[in-house]
Amino acid sequence: MISNSIEVRPMAPAIGAEIFGVNLGDRLSEQTFQAIHEAWLEHLVLFFRDQDLSVRQLASFGERFGPLHIHPQGDKSEHPGVLEIHTDANSKVYAGRDWHSDVSCDEEPPAASILRLDVVPESGGDTMFSNMYAAYEALSAPMKKLLDGLSALHGGERNYRGYFGQQPNEMRDGNYPQAIHPVVRTHPETGRKALFVNTLFTENIVEVSATESQALLEFLYRHVAEPRFQCRFRWEKDSIALWDNRCTLHLALWDYYPQTRSGYRVTVLGDRPV
């Protein structure tokens, strides 16, 4: 499809498209930005190749979508809203190990994430993305009715302290973020419903017993990870991925040790899920 000189090539039936014919480091016209925004809402995650952007240019592109979100773990000091993503032979942990929506434990989780990698391994290090509209729509009517009335607790301690080892005083707010969000959220721009639980941050479903919560979440985690909802992106140097955290999950693969995978991620502030 051609739109305003931008070529949009769908990557998979459920989710994802590659975008050609634009340099995100340029001052984008309103028409060009709107074409990108519309493609993003349609395909949920967009991929751009050969984007030699500085950190400031990456942040400026993110700001076209809204104010930048400040990460609980602490952003790059000279660039608030920009988080360094880096894994090498000395790394003991890595970002993105489970299916998740970025920082869903915040009261107002990010609406968008934009990741640019400038160092990639010879092979491996792909990122998987899953469509949460499609995952919700594939459920039976009785299951949709049950889930539509439920909410879930999302917490950051298990990830930030338990995995990364960060103490409360090292966090953005002096503590680990925690919030209650609907299990099924309505996208503020499209009006579509999407599942909003993930293995990294969701702790329990609030309105049911612990046993029922565990059973429901285990079912949902298996369901959202089904390949029919997914696409897989193979990174190259100077590639960028732009995804919608309100209706997708993603999973980064650490299958390239001891090679290096490095870049920067910008997140755009969202609103409270409803």
Protein backbone atom coordinates (compact mmCIF):
# COMPACT_ATOMS: atom_id res chain seq x y z
CA MET A 1 0.00 0.00 0.00
CA ILE A 2 1.27 3.51 -0.85
CA SER A 3 0.22 6.46 1.30
CA ASN A 4 1.76 9.94 0.94
CA SER A 5 4.90 8.37 -0.62
CA ILE A 6 5.21 5.99 2.35
CA GLU A 7 5.04 2.30 1.50
CA VAL A 8 3.38 0.04 4.10
CA ARG A 9 4.10 -3.70 3.75
CA PRO A 10 2.19 -5.93 6.18
CA MET A 11 4.48 -8.43 7.88
CA ALA A 12 1.94 -10.98 9.13
CA PRO A 13 -1.86 -11.33 8.91
CA ALA A 14 -2.42 -10.53 12.59
CA ILE A 15 0.09 -7.78 13.35
CA GLY A 16 3.02 -5.75 12.09
CA ALA A 17 4.09 -3.81 9.00
CA GLU A 18 7.34 -2.54 7.55
CA ILE A 19 7.46 1.11 6.50
CA PHE A 20 9.55 2.35 3.57
CA GLY A 21 10.15 5.78 2.09
CA VAL A 22 10.67 7.87 5.22
CA ASN A 23 13.63 9.09 7.27
CA LEU A 24 12.46 9.54 10.86
CA GLY A 25 15.37 11.87 11.55
CA ASP A 26 13.89 14.47 9.19
CA ARG A 27 11.34 17.07 10.24
CA LEU A 28 8.24 15.10 9.29
CA SER A 29 5.35 16.98 7.75
CA GLU A 30 2.00 16.67 9.46
CA GLN A 31 0.73 14.68 6.47
CA THR A 32 3.62 12.20 6.71
CA PHE A 33 3.27 11.84 10.46
CA GLN A 34 -0.47 11.22 10.15
CA ALA A 35 0.19 8.50 7.56
CA ILE A 36 2.59 6.82 10.02
CA HIS A 37 0.11 7.23 12.87
CA GLU A 38 -2.73 5.69 10.86
CA ALA A 39 -0.54 2.74 9.83
CA TRP A 40 0.45 2.29 13.48
CA LEU A 41 -3.16 2.14 14.65
CA GLU A 42 -3.98 -0.35 11.88
CA HIS A 43 -0.96 -2.68 12.20
CA LEU A 44 -0.12 -2.09 15.93
CA VAL A 45 3.65 -2.33 15.41
CA LEU A 46 5.69 -0.68 12.66
CA PHE A 47 9.25 -1.44 11.58
CA PHE A 48 11.69 0.96 9.93
CA ARG A 49 15.09 0.07 8.45
CA ASP A 50 18.24 2.19 7.95
CA GLN A 51 17.33 4.89 10.46
CA ASP A 52 20.57 6.60 11.55
CA LEU A 53 19.05 8.72 14.34
CA SER A 54 20.73 10.37 17.30
CA VAL A 55 19.23 9.89 20.75
CA ARG A 56 17.79 13.41 20.53
CA GLN A 57 16.18 12.68 17.16
CA LEU A 58 14.67 9.46 18.52
CA ALA A 59 13.21 11.37 21.47
CA SER A 60 11.88 14.08 19.13
CA PHE A 61 10.09 11.47 17.03
CA GLY A 62 8.55 10.03 20.20
CA GLU A 63 7.37 13.46 21.26
CA ARG A 64 5.24 13.68 18.10
CA PHE A 65 3.00 11.07 19.77
CA GLY A 66 2.86 12.88 23.12
CA PRO A 67 4.88 13.65 26.28
CA LEU A 68 7.58 11.10 27.03
CA HIS A 69 7.10 8.60 29.84
CA ILE A 70 9.78 8.48 32.55
CA HIS A 71 10.77 4.87 33.26
CA PRO A 72 10.62 3.62 36.89
CA GLN A 73 14.17 2.23 36.62
CA GLY A 74 15.64 5.58 35.66
CA ASP A 75 16.22 7.01 32.21
CA LYS A 76 19.39 8.21 30.52
CA SER A 77 20.20 11.24 32.70
CA GLU A 78 20.78 13.75 29.89
CA HIS A 79 17.70 12.56 27.98
CA PRO A 80 14.63 12.07 30.24
CA GLY A 81 12.26 9.61 28.61
CA VAL A 82 15.08 7.64 26.93
CA LEU A 83 16.12 4.25 28.33
CA GLU A 84 19.32 2.49 27.32
CA ILE A 85 18.82 -1.14 26.21
CA HIS A 86 22.11 -3.03 26.36
CA THR A 87 23.16 -6.67 26.69
CA ASP A 88 26.68 -8.05 26.24
CA ALA A 89 29.00 -10.82 27.44
CA ASN A 90 29.00 -9.37 30.97
CA SER A 91 25.22 -9.18 31.31
CA LYS A 92 23.49 -11.40 33.86
CA VAL A 93 19.96 -10.23 33.03
CA TYR A 94 18.23 -8.61 30.05
CA ALA A 95 15.17 -6.53 29.31
CA GLY A 96 12.04 -8.09 27.86
CA ARG A 97 12.38 -11.70 28.92
CA ASP A 98 8.63 -12.47 29.25
CA TRP A 99 5.54 -11.50 27.27
CA HIS A 100 4.62 -8.02 28.49
CA SER A 101 3.31 -4.54 27.84
CA ASP A 102 5.93 -2.00 28.88
CA VAL A 103 5.54 -0.78 32.48
CA SER A 104 1.92 -1.90 32.77
CA CYS A 105 2.42 -1.54 36.54
CA ASP A 106 2.31 2.28 36.25
CA GLU A 107 -0.94 4.14 36.93
CA GLU A 108 -0.64 5.57 33.40
CA PRO A 109 1.35 3.03 31.38
CA PRO A 110 3.10 4.03 28.15
CA ALA A 111 0.93 4.34 25.06
CA ALA A 112 3.83 3.77 22.67
CA SER A 113 7.37 2.40 22.72
CA ILE A 114 10.03 3.16 20.11
CA LEU A 115 13.21 1.07 20.11
CA ARG A 116 16.25 1.69 17.92
CA LEU A 117 19.20 -0.72 17.91
CA ASP A 118 22.60 0.43 16.69
CA VAL A 119 24.47 -2.76 17.65
CA VAL A 120 22.98 -6.15 16.80
CA PRO A 121 24.31 -9.71 17.09
CA GLU A 122 25.31 -11.68 14.01
CA SER A 123 22.12 -13.69 14.44
CA GLY A 124 19.37 -13.94 17.03
CA GLY A 125 17.97 -11.21 19.26
CA ASP A 126 14.61 -11.10 17.47
CA THR A 127 11.53 -9.55 19.09
CA MET A 128 8.11 -11.21 19.04
CA PHE A 129 4.88 -9.18 19.06
CA SER A 130 1.34 -10.37 19.78
CA ASN A 131 -2.02 -8.74 18.94
CA MET A 132 -4.24 -8.35 22.02
CA TYR A 133 -7.27 -7.23 20.00
CA ALA A 134 -7.16 -10.53 18.15
CA ALA A 135 -6.55 -12.49 21.36
CA TYR A 136 -9.65 -10.96 22.94
CA GLU A 137 -11.80 -11.39 19.84
CA ALA A 138 -10.86 -15.08 19.59
CA LEU A 139 -12.40 -15.82 23.00
CA SER A 140 -15.86 -17.31 23.37
CA ALA A 141 -18.77 -15.03 24.26
CA PRO A 142 -19.10 -16.44 27.83
CA MET A 143 -15.37 -15.92 28.48
CA LYS A 144 -15.53 -12.34 27.16
CA LYS A 145 -18.49 -11.65 29.45
CA LEU A 146 -16.59 -12.96 32.47
CA LEU A 147 -13.36 -11.06 31.75
CA ASP A 148 -15.06 -7.76 30.86
CA GLY A 149 -16.01 -7.24 34.49
CA LEU A 150 -12.64 -8.08 36.07
CA SER A 151 -9.56 -6.08 37.04
CA ALA A 152 -5.99 -7.13 37.79
CA LEU A 153 -3.20 -5.92 40.02
CA HIS A 154 0.02 -5.05 38.17
CA GLY A 155 3.19 -4.66 40.23
CA GLY A 156 6.82 -3.86 39.49
CA GLU A 157 8.62 -5.33 42.51
CA ARG A 158 8.87 -8.88 41.17
CA ASN A 159 10.64 -7.60 38.04
CA TYR A 160 12.65 -4.61 39.26
CA ARG A 161 13.82 -6.04 42.60
CA GLY A 162 13.45 -9.77 42.00
CA TYR A 163 15.09 -9.85 38.56
CA PHE A 164 17.14 -6.66 38.13
CA GLY A 165 18.01 -6.28 41.82
CA GLN A 166 17.07 -2.61 42.10
CA GLN A 167 16.26 -1.30 45.56
CA PRO A 168 13.35 1.09 46.26
CA ASN A 169 15.63 4.12 46.65
CA GLU A 170 16.97 3.49 43.13
CA MET A 171 13.52 3.71 41.59
CA ARG A 172 11.89 6.77 40.01
CA ASP A 173 9.38 7.27 42.85
CA GLY A 174 11.38 5.72 45.70
CA ASN A 175 9.23 2.60 45.50
CA TYR A 176 8.03 -0.06 43.07
CA PRO A 177 5.03 1.01 40.96
CA GLN A 178 1.72 -0.76 41.42
CA ALA A 179 -1.68 -0.24 39.82
CA ILE A 180 -5.01 -1.95 39.23
CA HIS A 181 -6.17 -2.07 35.60
CA PRO A 182 -9.07 -3.75 33.77
CA VAL A 183 -8.35 -7.21 32.40
CA VAL A 184 -9.95 -6.01 29.16
CA ARG A 185 -9.19 -2.42 28.26
CA THR A 186 -10.76 -0.21 25.60
CA HIS A 187 -8.28 1.48 23.29
CA PRO A 188 -8.71 5.27 23.63
CA GLU A 189 -8.17 5.94 19.90
CA THR A 190 -9.78 2.98 18.13
CA GLY A 191 -12.48 2.04 20.66
CA ARG A 192 -11.57 -1.65 20.27
CA LYS A 193 -11.23 -4.01 23.22
CA ALA A 194 -7.94 -5.73 24.02
CA LEU A 195 -6.70 -8.11 26.70
CA PHE A 196 -4.45 -6.31 29.20
CA VAL A 197 -2.63 -8.87 31.33
CA ASN A 198 0.96 -10.11 31.05
CA THR A 199 3.34 -12.49 32.77
CA LEU A 200 5.93 -9.84 33.68
CA PHE A 201 3.76 -7.45 35.72
CA THR A 202 0.30 -8.93 36.36
CA GLU A 203 0.09 -10.42 39.87
CA ASN A 204 -3.53 -11.46 40.35
CA ILE A 205 -7.12 -10.84 39.35
CA VAL A 206 -8.72 -8.78 42.09
CA GLU A 207 -12.36 -9.92 42.20
CA VAL A 208 -11.84 -13.70 42.41
CA SER A 209 -10.09 -16.13 44.75
CA ALA A 210 -6.36 -16.83 44.49
CA THR A 211 -7.04 -20.25 42.97
CA GLU A 212 -9.47 -18.87 40.39
CA SER A 213 -7.09 -16.01 39.59
CA GLN A 214 -4.21 -18.39 38.97
CA ALA A 215 -6.31 -20.60 36.70
CA LEU A 216 -7.63 -17.68 34.67
CA LEU A 217 -4.22 -16.04 34.29
CA GLU A 218 -2.54 -19.30 33.29
CA PHE A 219 -5.19 -19.78 30.61
CA LEU A 220 -4.81 -16.19 29.36
CA TYR A 221 -0.99 -16.37 29.28
CA ARG A 222 -1.15 -19.50 27.10
CA HIS A 223 -3.83 -17.94 24.92
CA VAL A 224 -2.07 -14.62 24.19
CA ALA A 225 1.15 -16.45 23.27
CA GLU A 226 -0.47 -18.43 20.44
CA PRO A 227 1.43 -17.99 17.14
CA ARG A 228 -1.73 -17.01 15.23
CA PHE A 229 -1.67 -13.61 16.97
CA GLN A 230 2.02 -12.91 16.34
CA CYS A 231 4.77 -11.59 14.13
CA ARG A 232 8.54 -11.84 14.58
CA PHE A 233 11.00 -9.05 13.78
CA ARG A 234 14.62 -9.71 12.84
CA TRP A 235 16.72 -6.72 13.80
CA GLU A 236 19.40 -5.09 11.67
CA LYS A 237 21.68 -2.20 12.59
CA ASP A 238 19.74 1.10 12.72
CA SER A 239 16.34 -0.61 12.71
CA ILE A 240 13.44 0.93 14.65
CA ALA A 241 10.30 -0.71 16.01
CA LEU A 242 7.30 1.38 17.07
CA TRP A 243 4.60 -0.51 18.97
CA ASP A 244 1.31 0.24 20.70
CA ASN A 245 1.50 -0.88 24.34
CA ARG A 246 -2.26 -0.53 24.73
CA CYS A 247 -3.07 -3.48 22.46
CA THR A 248 0.11 -5.56 22.07
CA LEU A 249 2.50 -7.71 24.04
CA HIS A 250 6.12 -8.33 23.11
CA LEU A 251 8.95 -10.69 24.00
CA ALA A 252 12.66 -10.17 23.37
CA LEU A 253 14.84 -13.23 22.73
CA TRP A 254 18.25 -13.58 24.41
CA ASP A 255 19.67 -16.31 22.19
CA TYR A 256 22.82 -14.45 21.12
CA TYR A 257 25.05 -14.60 24.22
CA PRO A 258 27.91 -13.54 24.43
CA GLN A 259 27.33 -11.10 21.56
CA THR A 260 26.14 -7.52 22.07
CA ARG A 261 22.70 -6.06 21.39
CA SER A 262 22.44 -2.35 22.18
CA GLY A 263 20.34 0.75 21.55
CA TYR A 264 17.84 3.16 23.07
CA ARG A 265 14.12 3.07 23.74
CA VAL A 266 11.67 5.93 24.06
CA THR A 267 8.27 5.48 25.68
CA VAL A 268 5.33 7.85 25.27
CA LEU A 269 3.07 8.59 28.22
CA GLY A 270 -0.36 6.99 28.00
CA ASP A 271 -3.53 7.39 30.03
CA ARG A 272 -5.14 5.27 32.71
CA PRO A 273 -6.59 2.10 31.11
CA VAL A 274 -10.38 1.84 31.09
